[in-house]
């Protein structure tokens, strides 16, 4: 009986493996054909003048949606808005405000250039390398965003709105929600109609508008910081989650094929459209994406107390949540390895001996090399995808005491609006 059961399990595994291999090869073949017809060289010229103009622009659709609801001066409608966008649900309630229904209907439409094969392959790339991408998000992408002083002011200002300012629970929740958004958007099916990633991106876009509305009511200094969460800041964040991730993977010794890079960037181009980026600041390919990312970083990089404070909070978060496997010195070494000395020094990351950074770098590359060898075996890759996806979800669930990730808005932010509209 046991032998029959084991044989049945083996047959089922082999059948699933065969189907996975056939499907993966067919998908890559279709994607290769499409990428071969693309211009994959960096062709855009992201000038300072262009980026400066984008700092004056935000997101008319999301901003007008929030403004219409706030203009009603109806506490119930306002509370319903916050309840709807923070509720852990992929579906709108039947009694959602008409403006919200219209917003979700309009923003659910993918751009004409969105290609399902490239989306599918890009999401497969994410699932295969999810653990490394999560590592890069927290040790490269997020802190490099903090290095942009004007954008760091927005992040720091909204963090201070919480009534528990100074508590790591709030910061942990924000990190967990960022990670959860990436998992939702980049998991297979995440950008399909009513997919969790699509809905999450729509919520993020609306939350950006909500924060802009509040900051403007609180005498935001646009002459010094430009518009809050403007087009350049949104594009910079998007590039840190996409192009800079690809760069980071190369730092770890993970070499993707050109078609895989283009597919991964294609997913984030689609996400950029959903969250409200203008067409002219969405890069055409992976080379343009990396060029845009560094153009924005060069344009905005500057030391700020806010950026350093965010960096300290991130290190504290990592020390608390990874202390079972990573010492505080290892976390510092990881940050400095991923970002380099220039940005690390700018953010006041503590100094550490270069020998410790080199030692960690060698260890990480050895582990990555083993996992890459497993990944290149399509049969084993199926198991690796399952492992990395669920490990990523497990890591996120332990970032915060909250059991529900619901794209949190600070309670004091909501109470400010409620009181101002009574």
Protein backbone atom coordinates (compact mmCIF):
# COMPACT_ATOMS: atom_id res chain seq x y z
CA UNK A 1 0.00 0.00 0.00
CA UNK A 2 2.83 2.39 0.93
CA UNK A 3 4.68 1.52 -2.27
CA UNK A 4 1.61 2.24 -4.37
CA UNK A 5 1.13 5.57 -2.61
CA UNK A 6 4.77 6.59 -3.15
CA UNK A 7 4.60 5.54 -6.79
CA UNK A 8 1.43 7.59 -7.27
CA UNK A 9 3.08 10.64 -5.72
CA UNK A 10 6.11 10.17 -7.99
CA UNK A 11 3.94 9.87 -11.11
CA UNK A 12 1.96 12.98 -10.18
CA UNK A 13 5.19 14.91 -9.55
CA UNK A 14 6.63 13.82 -12.89
CA UNK A 15 3.45 14.81 -14.73
CA UNK A 16 3.40 18.23 -13.08
CA UNK A 17 7.11 18.63 -13.84
CA UNK A 18 6.62 17.74 -17.49
CA UNK A 19 3.73 20.21 -17.81
CA UNK A 20 5.80 22.90 -16.06
CA UNK A 21 8.78 22.36 -18.38
CA UNK A 22 6.66 22.44 -21.54
CA UNK A 23 4.78 25.54 -20.41
CA UNK A 24 7.96 27.37 -19.35
CA UNK A 25 9.78 26.68 -22.61
CA UNK A 26 6.77 27.72 -24.70
CA UNK A 27 6.41 30.95 -22.71
CA UNK A 28 10.09 31.88 -23.08
CA UNK A 29 9.97 31.12 -26.81
CA UNK A 30 7.03 33.50 -27.30
CA UNK A 31 8.66 36.17 -25.13
CA UNK A 32 11.97 35.86 -27.02
CA UNK A 33 10.19 36.49 -30.30
CA UNK A 34 8.60 39.66 -28.93
CA UNK A 35 11.74 40.99 -27.28
CA UNK A 36 13.79 40.38 -30.44
CA UNK A 37 11.50 42.85 -32.23
CA UNK A 38 12.05 45.53 -29.55
CA UNK A 39 14.66 48.23 -29.30
CA UNK A 40 16.39 47.23 -26.06
CA UNK A 41 19.08 49.94 -26.05
CA UNK A 42 18.92 53.00 -23.82
CA UNK A 43 17.51 55.70 -26.07
CA UNK A 44 15.74 58.16 -23.78
CA UNK A 45 17.45 61.32 -22.56
CA UNK A 46 16.20 61.94 -19.02
CA UNK A 47 17.35 65.55 -18.71
CA UNK A 48 17.34 67.61 -15.53
CA UNK A 49 14.89 70.01 -17.17
CA UNK A 50 12.49 67.15 -17.94
CA UNK A 51 12.73 65.77 -14.39
CA UNK A 52 12.23 69.24 -12.87
CA UNK A 53 8.99 69.63 -14.82
CA UNK A 54 7.81 66.23 -13.54
CA UNK A 55 8.29 67.44 -9.96
CA UNK A 56 5.45 69.91 -10.50
CA UNK A 57 3.01 67.20 -11.63
CA UNK A 58 1.16 64.54 -9.63
CA UNK A 59 -1.86 62.42 -10.59
CA UNK A 60 -4.98 64.28 -11.73
CA UNK A 61 -7.32 61.28 -11.71
CA UNK A 62 -6.55 60.08 -8.18
CA UNK A 63 -6.29 63.63 -6.81
CA UNK A 64 -9.65 64.65 -8.25
CA UNK A 65 -11.29 61.49 -6.88
CA UNK A 66 -10.14 62.26 -3.35
CA UNK A 67 -10.99 65.97 -3.72
CA UNK A 68 -14.57 65.17 -4.82
CA UNK A 69 -15.16 63.01 -1.77
CA UNK A 70 -13.59 65.50 0.63
CA UNK A 71 -15.59 68.37 -0.87
CA UNK A 72 -18.84 66.73 0.26
CA UNK A 73 -17.93 67.38 3.91
CA UNK A 74 -19.69 64.14 4.80
CA UNK A 75 -17.99 62.29 7.65
CA UNK A 76 -19.59 58.98 6.67
CA UNK A 77 -18.30 59.24 3.10
CA UNK A 78 -14.81 60.15 4.28
CA UNK A 79 -14.71 57.32 6.80
CA UNK A 80 -16.02 54.99 4.10
CA UNK A 81 -13.16 56.05 1.84
CA UNK A 82 -10.57 55.15 4.45
CA UNK A 83 -12.36 51.95 5.36
CA UNK A 84 -12.52 50.86 1.74
CA UNK A 85 -8.90 51.45 0.82
CA UNK A 86 -7.51 49.94 4.02
CA UNK A 87 -9.80 46.92 4.17
CA UNK A 88 -8.03 43.67 3.31
CA UNK A 89 -10.33 42.87 0.42
CA UNK A 90 -9.93 42.61 -3.33
CA UNK A 91 -13.53 43.64 -4.01
CA UNK A 92 -15.37 46.92 -3.57
CA UNK A 93 -18.32 46.88 -1.17
CA UNK A 94 -21.72 47.43 -2.79
CA UNK A 95 -22.16 50.76 -0.96
CA UNK A 96 -18.80 52.22 -1.99
CA UNK A 97 -19.01 55.91 -3.05
CA UNK A 98 -19.73 56.41 -6.75
CA UNK A 99 -16.46 58.31 -7.17
CA UNK A 100 -14.53 55.32 -5.83
CA UNK A 101 -16.31 52.89 -8.13
CA UNK A 102 -15.53 55.10 -11.12
CA UNK A 103 -11.90 55.41 -10.05
CA UNK A 104 -11.42 51.64 -9.71
CA UNK A 105 -13.15 51.06 -13.04
CA UNK A 106 -10.92 53.53 -14.92
CA UNK A 107 -7.64 52.46 -13.31
CA UNK A 108 -8.23 48.73 -13.85
CA UNK A 109 -7.58 49.08 -17.59
CA UNK A 110 -4.08 47.99 -18.59
CA UNK A 111 -2.26 50.01 -21.26
CA UNK A 112 -2.53 48.92 -24.91
CA UNK A 113 1.15 47.94 -24.93
CA UNK A 114 0.83 45.52 -21.99
CA UNK A 115 1.83 42.03 -23.14
CA UNK A 116 0.60 39.00 -21.21
CA UNK A 117 3.51 36.76 -22.19
CA UNK A 118 6.06 39.29 -20.94
CA UNK A 119 4.03 39.81 -17.76
CA UNK A 120 3.91 36.05 -17.17
CA UNK A 121 7.64 35.63 -17.73
CA UNK A 122 8.49 38.64 -15.58
CA UNK A 123 6.41 37.27 -12.72
CA UNK A 124 8.11 33.89 -13.14
CA UNK A 125 11.49 35.64 -12.80
CA UNK A 126 10.24 37.18 -9.55
CA UNK A 127 8.95 33.92 -8.14
CA UNK A 128 12.23 32.15 -8.95
CA UNK A 129 14.31 34.83 -7.23
CA UNK A 130 11.85 36.12 -4.63
CA UNK A 131 14.14 35.68 -1.63
CA UNK A 132 16.99 37.63 -3.25
CA UNK A 133 14.62 40.33 -4.48
CA UNK A 134 13.20 40.73 -0.95
CA UNK A 135 16.77 41.03 0.36
CA UNK A 136 17.56 43.70 -2.22
CA UNK A 137 14.36 45.63 -1.54
CA UNK A 138 15.25 46.12 2.12
CA UNK A 139 19.01 46.59 1.71
CA UNK A 140 19.21 48.53 -1.57
CA UNK A 141 15.91 49.78 -2.99
CA UNK A 142 14.33 51.34 0.09
CA UNK A 143 17.45 53.00 1.51
CA UNK A 144 18.39 54.40 -1.90
CA UNK A 145 14.95 56.05 -1.90
CA UNK A 146 15.86 57.63 1.47
CA UNK A 147 18.91 59.18 -0.21
CA UNK A 148 16.59 61.41 -2.26
CA UNK A 149 16.17 64.22 0.27
CA UNK A 150 12.91 65.75 -0.99
CA UNK A 151 11.17 62.41 -1.25
CA UNK A 152 12.49 61.43 2.19
CA UNK A 153 10.70 64.49 3.60
CA UNK A 154 7.34 63.03 2.49
CA UNK A 155 8.14 59.61 3.95
CA UNK A 156 9.32 61.11 7.22
CA UNK A 157 6.39 63.53 7.46
CA UNK A 158 3.77 60.81 6.96
CA UNK A 159 5.50 58.53 9.47
CA UNK A 160 5.22 61.29 12.07
CA UNK A 161 1.45 61.45 11.58
CA UNK A 162 1.02 58.22 13.52
CA UNK A 163 -0.03 58.49 17.14
CA UNK A 164 2.60 55.89 18.05
CA UNK A 165 5.49 57.81 16.49
CA UNK A 166 8.71 56.22 17.64
CA UNK A 167 7.22 52.75 17.84
CA UNK A 168 8.80 50.14 15.58
CA UNK A 169 5.34 48.60 15.05
CA UNK A 170 4.41 51.37 12.63
CA UNK A 171 7.68 51.17 10.70
CA UNK A 172 7.48 47.37 10.60
CA UNK A 173 4.00 47.56 9.20
CA UNK A 174 5.06 49.98 6.45
CA UNK A 175 7.93 47.71 5.42
CA UNK A 176 5.65 44.67 5.49
CA UNK A 177 3.06 46.41 3.34
CA UNK A 178 5.68 47.41 0.79
CA UNK A 179 6.88 43.82 0.62
CA UNK A 180 3.33 42.52 0.40
CA UNK A 181 2.54 44.89 -2.46
CA UNK A 182 5.52 43.54 -4.41
CA UNK A 183 4.43 39.94 -3.73
CA UNK A 184 0.86 40.67 -4.83
CA UNK A 185 1.91 42.50 -8.00
CA UNK A 186 4.69 40.14 -9.07
CA UNK A 187 3.09 36.78 -8.29
CA UNK A 188 1.55 34.93 -11.25
CA UNK A 189 -1.94 36.29 -11.96
CA UNK A 190 -1.34 39.39 -9.83
CA UNK A 191 -1.93 41.83 -12.70
CA UNK A 192 -4.87 39.99 -14.25
CA UNK A 193 -8.39 41.50 -14.03
CA UNK A 194 -9.23 41.77 -10.31
CA UNK A 195 -5.79 40.29 -9.50
CA UNK A 196 -4.48 41.08 -6.02
CA UNK A 197 -1.55 43.02 -7.47
CA UNK A 198 -3.78 45.13 -9.69
CA UNK A 199 -6.09 46.01 -6.81
CA UNK A 200 -3.12 46.69 -4.51
CA UNK A 201 -1.62 49.08 -7.08
CA UNK A 202 -4.97 50.88 -7.38
CA UNK A 203 -5.09 51.25 -3.60
CA UNK A 204 -1.52 52.54 -3.43
CA UNK A 205 -2.36 55.14 -6.08
CA UNK A 206 -5.38 56.32 -4.11
CA UNK A 207 -3.41 56.42 -0.86
CA UNK A 208 -0.82 58.62 -2.57
CA UNK A 209 -3.62 61.05 -3.44
CA UNK A 210 -4.95 60.91 0.12
CA UNK A 211 -1.51 61.77 1.54
CA UNK A 212 -1.07 64.60 -0.97
CA UNK A 213 -4.45 66.03 0.02
CA UNK A 214 -3.52 65.98 3.67
CA UNK A 215 -0.02 67.42 3.27
CA UNK A 216 -1.36 70.29 1.19
CA UNK A 217 -3.88 71.04 3.94
CA UNK A 218 -0.99 71.07 6.42
CA UNK A 219 0.91 73.85 4.62
CA UNK A 220 3.23 71.64 2.59
CA UNK A 221 6.10 73.79 1.26
CA UNK A 222 6.03 73.05 -2.47
CA UNK A 223 8.54 75.81 -3.15
CA UNK A 224 11.16 73.87 -1.19
CA UNK A 225 10.13 70.24 -1.72
CA UNK A 226 8.03 70.45 -4.92
CA UNK A 227 4.70 68.62 -5.11
CA UNK A 228 4.38 65.71 -2.65
CA UNK A 229 4.61 62.26 -4.26
CA UNK A 230 5.13 63.85 -7.66
CA UNK A 231 5.78 62.13 -10.98
CA UNK A 232 9.56 62.05 -10.55
CA UNK A 233 9.35 60.66 -7.02
CA UNK A 234 6.93 57.94 -8.13
CA UNK A 235 9.15 57.04 -11.09
CA UNK A 236 12.21 56.95 -8.84
CA UNK A 237 10.52 54.54 -6.46
CA UNK A 238 9.40 52.38 -9.36
CA UNK A 239 12.95 52.22 -10.76
CA UNK A 240 14.33 51.31 -7.33
CA UNK A 241 11.91 48.37 -7.25
CA UNK A 242 12.75 47.25 -10.78
CA UNK A 243 15.93 48.40 -12.55
CA UNK A 244 18.00 48.71 -9.37
CA UNK A 245 16.82 45.24 -8.32
CA UNK A 246 18.21 43.82 -11.58
CA UNK A 247 21.47 45.65 -10.93
CA UNK A 248 21.56 44.24 -7.41
CA UNK A 249 21.02 40.71 -8.66
CA UNK A 250 24.09 41.08 -10.85
CA UNK A 251 26.00 42.21 -7.75
CA UNK A 252 25.00 38.90 -6.14
CA UNK A 253 26.24 36.95 -9.14
CA UNK A 254 22.76 36.20 -10.48
CA UNK A 255 22.86 36.61 -14.26
CA UNK A 256 19.50 36.86 -16.02
CA UNK A 257 19.01 36.42 -19.74
CA UNK A 258 18.16 39.62 -21.68
CA UNK A 259 14.62 38.37 -22.30
CA UNK A 260 14.15 37.82 -18.56
CA UNK A 261 15.33 41.36 -17.79
CA UNK A 262 12.94 42.86 -20.33
CA UNK A 263 10.05 40.77 -19.02
CA UNK A 264 10.75 41.81 -15.42
CA UNK A 265 10.91 45.48 -16.37
CA UNK A 266 7.76 45.08 -18.49
CA UNK A 267 5.82 44.07 -15.37
CA UNK A 268 6.96 47.21 -13.58
CA UNK A 269 6.17 49.36 -16.61
CA UNK A 270 2.59 48.05 -16.35
CA UNK A 271 2.56 48.67 -12.60
CA UNK A 272 3.81 52.21 -13.23
CA UNK A 273 0.85 52.83 -15.54
CA UNK A 274 -1.58 51.52 -12.90
CA UNK A 275 -0.18 53.71 -10.12
CA UNK A 276 -0.54 56.83 -12.25
CA UNK A 277 2.79 57.46 -13.97
CA UNK A 278 2.59 59.53 -17.15
CA UNK A 279 3.49 57.70 -20.35
CA UNK A 280 6.54 59.87 -21.00
CA UNK A 281 8.24 58.88 -17.74
CA UNK A 282 7.67 55.15 -18.14
CA UNK A 283 10.92 53.74 -19.62
CA UNK A 284 10.73 51.68 -22.81
CA UNK A 285 13.10 48.90 -21.77
CA UNK A 286 15.48 47.69 -19.06
CA UNK A 287 18.39 49.87 -20.25
CA UNK A 288 16.20 52.98 -20.22
CA UNK A 289 14.87 51.99 -16.78
CA UNK A 290 18.35 51.80 -15.26
CA UNK A 291 19.29 55.08 -16.94
CA UNK A 292 16.15 56.75 -15.57
CA UNK A 293 16.77 55.36 -12.09
CA UNK A 294 20.26 56.83 -11.94
CA UNK A 295 19.17 60.09 -13.58
CA UNK A 296 16.61 60.58 -10.80
CA UNK A 297 19.07 59.53 -8.10
CA UNK A 298 21.69 61.96 -9.41
CA UNK A 299 19.05 64.69 -9.60
CA UNK A 300 17.70 64.21 -6.08
CA UNK A 301 20.50 62.72 -3.99
CA UNK A 302 21.37 64.86 -0.98
CA UNK A 303 21.99 64.41 2.71
CA UNK A 304 19.01 65.08 4.97
CA UNK A 305 18.16 64.46 8.61
CA UNK A 306 14.94 62.83 7.44
CA UNK A 307 16.78 60.37 5.21
CA UNK A 308 19.21 59.47 7.99
CA UNK A 309 16.33 59.01 10.45
CA UNK A 310 14.59 56.64 8.04
CA UNK A 311 17.86 54.74 7.58
CA UNK A 312 18.29 54.36 11.36
CA UNK A 313 14.73 53.06 11.62
CA UNK A 314 15.37 50.56 8.83
CA UNK A 315 18.52 49.25 10.53
CA UNK A 316 16.68 48.98 13.84
CA UNK A 317 13.91 47.07 12.07
CA UNK A 318 16.41 44.67 10.49
CA UNK A 319 18.30 44.14 13.74
CA UNK A 320 15.09 43.26 15.54
CA UNK A 321 13.55 41.02 12.89
CA UNK A 322 16.65 39.22 11.62
CA UNK A 323 18.60 38.82 14.87
CA UNK A 324 18.17 35.03 14.78
CA UNK A 325 20.22 34.76 11.57
CA UNK A 326 21.97 38.13 11.12
CA UNK A 327 23.96 40.16 13.65
CA UNK A 328 23.79 43.96 13.68
CA UNK A 329 27.26 44.04 12.12
CA UNK A 330 26.10 41.73 9.32
CA UNK A 331 23.12 44.01 8.63
CA UNK A 332 25.44 47.01 8.34
CA UNK A 333 27.79 45.02 6.09
CA UNK A 334 24.82 43.99 3.91
CA UNK A 335 23.62 47.57 3.51
CA UNK A 336 27.09 48.82 2.64
CA UNK A 337 27.66 45.92 0.25
CA UNK A 338 24.41 46.58 -1.62
CA UNK A 339 24.54 50.39 -1.74
CA UNK A 340 28.24 51.17 -1.74
CA UNK A 341 30.12 53.72 0.37
CA UNK A 342 28.77 56.89 -1.28
CA UNK A 343 25.10 56.42 -0.44
CA UNK A 344 25.81 54.58 2.82
CA UNK A 345 27.90 57.51 4.08
CA UNK A 346 25.25 59.97 2.89
CA UNK A 347 22.65 58.16 5.03
CA UNK A 348 25.01 57.93 8.02
CA UNK A 349 25.18 54.14 7.96
CA UNK A 350 27.74 53.11 10.61
CA UNK A 351 31.22 52.32 9.36
CA UNK A 352 32.47 48.73 9.27
CA UNK A 353 35.69 47.05 8.18
CA UNK A 354 35.85 46.33 4.45
CA UNK A 355 37.05 42.80 5.24
CA UNK A 356 33.70 42.01 6.88
CA UNK A 357 31.83 43.34 3.84
CA UNK A 358 34.00 41.23 1.53
CA UNK A 359 33.48 38.12 3.67
CA UNK A 360 29.69 38.55 3.61
CA UNK A 361 29.75 39.24 -0.13
CA UNK A 362 31.60 35.97 -0.77
CA UNK A 363 29.19 34.00 1.41
CA UNK A 364 26.10 35.48 -0.28
CA UNK A 365 27.49 34.80 -3.74
CA UNK A 366 28.21 31.16 -2.84
CA UNK A 367 24.61 30.62 -1.70
CA UNK A 368 23.25 32.44 -4.76
CA UNK A 369 25.42 30.30 -7.03
CA UNK A 370 23.99 27.08 -5.59
CA UNK A 371 20.41 28.35 -5.94
CA UNK A 372 21.10 29.45 -9.52
CA UNK A 373 22.27 25.97 -10.43
CA UNK A 374 19.03 24.57 -9.01
CA UNK A 375 17.05 27.23 -10.88
CA UNK A 376 18.56 26.25 -14.24
CA UNK A 377 17.14 22.76 -13.84
CA UNK A 378 13.52 23.32 -14.87
CA UNK A 379 12.22 20.40 -12.81
CA UNK A 380 13.95 21.61 -9.65
CA UNK A 381 12.99 25.20 -10.52
CA UNK A 382 9.34 24.26 -9.99
CA UNK A 383 10.13 23.28 -6.40
CA UNK A 384 12.31 26.37 -5.96
CA UNK A 385 9.46 28.65 -7.06
CA UNK A 386 7.12 27.06 -4.53
CA UNK A 387 9.73 27.42 -1.79
CA UNK A 388 10.67 31.04 -2.52
CA UNK A 389 7.07 32.22 -2.78
CA UNK A 390 6.03 30.74 0.54
CA UNK A 391 9.28 31.74 2.24
CA UNK A 392 8.70 35.34 1.13
CA UNK A 393 5.16 35.26 2.53
CA UNK A 394 6.46 33.74 5.77
CA UNK A 395 9.07 36.49 6.12
CA UNK A 396 6.42 39.17 5.57
CA UNK A 397 4.08 37.63 8.16
CA UNK A 398 6.84 37.95 10.77
CA UNK A 399 7.64 41.59 10.04
CA UNK A 400 4.71 42.88 12.05
CA UNK A 401 2.40 41.87 14.88
CA UNK A 402 -0.57 42.60 12.64
CA UNK A 403 -2.08 39.53 10.98
CA UNK A 404 -3.60 41.56 8.14
CA UNK A 405 -1.66 43.67 5.68
CA UNK A 406 -4.11 46.37 4.67
CA UNK A 407 -2.10 49.30 3.30
CA UNK A 408 -2.19 51.22 6.54
CA UNK A 409 -2.96 54.90 6.86
CA UNK A 410 -2.05 56.45 10.23
CA UNK A 411 -5.03 56.83 12.52
CA UNK A 412 -4.23 60.45 13.29
CA UNK A 413 -4.36 61.19 9.57
CA UNK A 414 -7.92 59.88 9.46
CA UNK A 415 -8.98 61.68 12.63
CA UNK A 416 -7.56 64.97 11.31
CA UNK A 417 -9.78 64.71 8.26
CA UNK A 418 -12.79 63.62 10.26
CA UNK A 419 -12.48 66.56 12.63
CA UNK A 420 -11.83 69.04 9.84
CA UNK A 421 -14.99 67.96 8.02
CA UNK A 422 -17.40 68.00 10.93
